[in-house]
């Protein structure tokens, strides 16, 4: 499996989580029930998840 395929798999694996998190957190944040720094933290944690998934896929050659 080549690198672009591994990156695609890692990214597409986190998209459902990102969409649900944004759809759930955006209204909560807009109404003041959740602090604004939560949104960037969710995006950052999903970026870390993509990186870890990509690294794990690289090891399974």
C-alpha atoms as a PDB file:
ATOM      1  CA  UNK A   1       0.000   0.000   0.000  1.00  0.00           C
ATOM      2  CA  UNK A   2       1.478   3.358  -0.977  1.00  0.00           C
ATOM      3  CA  UNK A   3       1.606   6.524   1.115  1.00  0.00           C
ATOM      4  CA  UNK A   4      -1.328   8.414  -0.450  1.00  0.00           C
ATOM      5  CA  UNK A   5      -3.578   5.410   0.122  1.00  0.00           C
ATOM      6  CA  UNK A   6      -2.527   5.166   3.762  1.00  0.00           C
ATOM      7  CA  UNK A   7      -3.165   8.881   4.271  1.00  0.00           C
ATOM      8  CA  UNK A   8      -6.570   8.590   2.620  1.00  0.00           C
ATOM      9  CA  UNK A   9      -7.554   5.677   4.859  1.00  0.00           C
ATOM     10  CA  UNK A  10      -6.356   7.490   7.988  1.00  0.00           C
ATOM     11  CA  UNK A  11      -8.189  10.702   7.063  1.00  0.00           C
ATOM     12  CA  UNK A  12     -11.427   9.058   5.996  1.00  0.00           C
ATOM     13  CA  UNK A  13     -11.456   7.066   9.231  1.00  0.00           C
ATOM     14  CA  UNK A  14     -11.727  10.257  11.288  1.00  0.00           C
ATOM     15  CA  UNK A  15     -14.180  12.197   9.114  1.00  0.00           C
ATOM     16  CA  UNK A  16     -17.323  10.699  10.697  1.00  0.00           C
ATOM     17  CA  UNK A  17     -16.031  11.586  14.155  1.00  0.00           C
ATOM     18  CA  UNK A  18     -15.163  15.100  13.041  1.00  0.00           C
ATOM     19  CA  UNK A  19     -18.566  15.689  11.473  1.00  0.00           C
ATOM     20  CA  UNK A  20     -20.484  14.432  14.506  1.00  0.00           C
ATOM     21  CA  UNK A  21     -18.290  16.390  16.900  1.00  0.00           C
ATOM     22  CA  UNK A  22     -18.698  19.604  14.946  1.00  0.00           C
ATOM     23  CA  UNK A  23     -22.442  19.169  14.549  1.00  0.00           C
ATOM     24  CA  UNK A  24     -22.819  18.496  18.270  1.00  0.00           C
ATOM     25  CA  UNK A  25     -20.351  21.046  19.626  1.00  0.00           C
ATOM     26  CA  UNK A  26     -21.046  24.029  17.379  1.00  0.00           C
ATOM     27  CA  UNK A  27     -24.586  24.700  18.683  1.00  0.00           C
ATOM     28  CA  UNK A  28     -23.461  24.041  22.253  1.00  0.00           C
ATOM     29  CA  UNK A  29     -20.594  26.476  21.863  1.00  0.00           C
ATOM     30  CA  UNK A  30     -22.741  29.095  20.155  1.00  0.00           C
ATOM     31  CA  UNK A  31     -25.220  29.034  23.035  1.00  0.00           C
ATOM     32  CA  UNK A  32     -22.473  29.239  25.647  1.00  0.00           C
ATOM     33  CA  UNK A  33     -22.876  25.748  27.088  1.00  0.00           C
ATOM     34  CA  UNK A  34     -19.368  24.729  26.013  1.00  0.00           C
ATOM     35  CA  UNK A  35     -16.261  26.956  26.012  1.00  0.00           C
ATOM     36  CA  UNK A  36     -14.854  27.989  22.626  1.00  0.00           C
ATOM     37  CA  UNK A  37     -11.429  26.307  23.119  1.00  0.00           C
ATOM     38  CA  UNK A  38     -13.140  22.904  22.952  1.00  0.00           C
ATOM     39  CA  UNK A  39     -13.616  23.108  19.160  1.00  0.00           C
ATOM     40  CA  UNK A  40      -9.906  23.546  18.299  1.00  0.00           C
ATOM     41  CA  UNK A  41      -9.038  20.858  20.849  1.00  0.00           C
ATOM     42  CA  UNK A  42     -11.336  18.380  19.080  1.00  0.00           C
ATOM     43  CA  UNK A  43      -9.805  19.191  15.694  1.00  0.00           C
ATOM     44  CA  UNK A  44      -6.288  18.884  17.131  1.00  0.00           C
ATOM     45  CA  UNK A  45      -7.040  15.535  18.775  1.00  0.00           C
ATOM     46  CA  UNK A  46      -8.439  14.194  15.496  1.00  0.00           C
ATOM     47  CA  UNK A  47      -5.301  15.359  13.673  1.00  0.00           C
ATOM     48  CA  UNK A  48      -3.241  13.403  16.197  1.00  0.00           C
ATOM     49  CA  UNK A  49      -5.493  10.398  15.597  1.00  0.00           C
ATOM     50  CA  UNK A  50      -4.871  10.654  11.838  1.00  0.00           C
ATOM     51  CA  UNK A  51      -1.119  10.783  12.426  1.00  0.00           C
ATOM     52  CA  UNK A  52      -1.170   7.757  14.732  1.00  0.00           C
ATOM     53  CA  UNK A  53      -3.351   5.771  12.322  1.00  0.00           C
ATOM     54  CA  UNK A  54      -1.012   6.616   9.448  1.00  0.00           C
ATOM     55  CA  UNK A  55       2.017   5.513  11.469  1.00  0.00           C
ATOM     56  CA  UNK A  56       0.310   2.247  12.409  1.00  0.00           C
ATOM     57  CA  UNK A  57      -0.546   1.572   8.775  1.00  0.00           C
ATOM     58  CA  UNK A  58       3.087   2.200   7.796  1.00  0.00           C
ATOM     59  CA  UNK A  59       4.286  -0.479  10.204  1.00  0.00           C
ATOM     60  CA  UNK A  60       2.008  -3.150   8.686  1.00  0.00           C
ATOM     61  CA  UNK A  61       3.816  -3.310   5.349  1.00  0.00           C
END
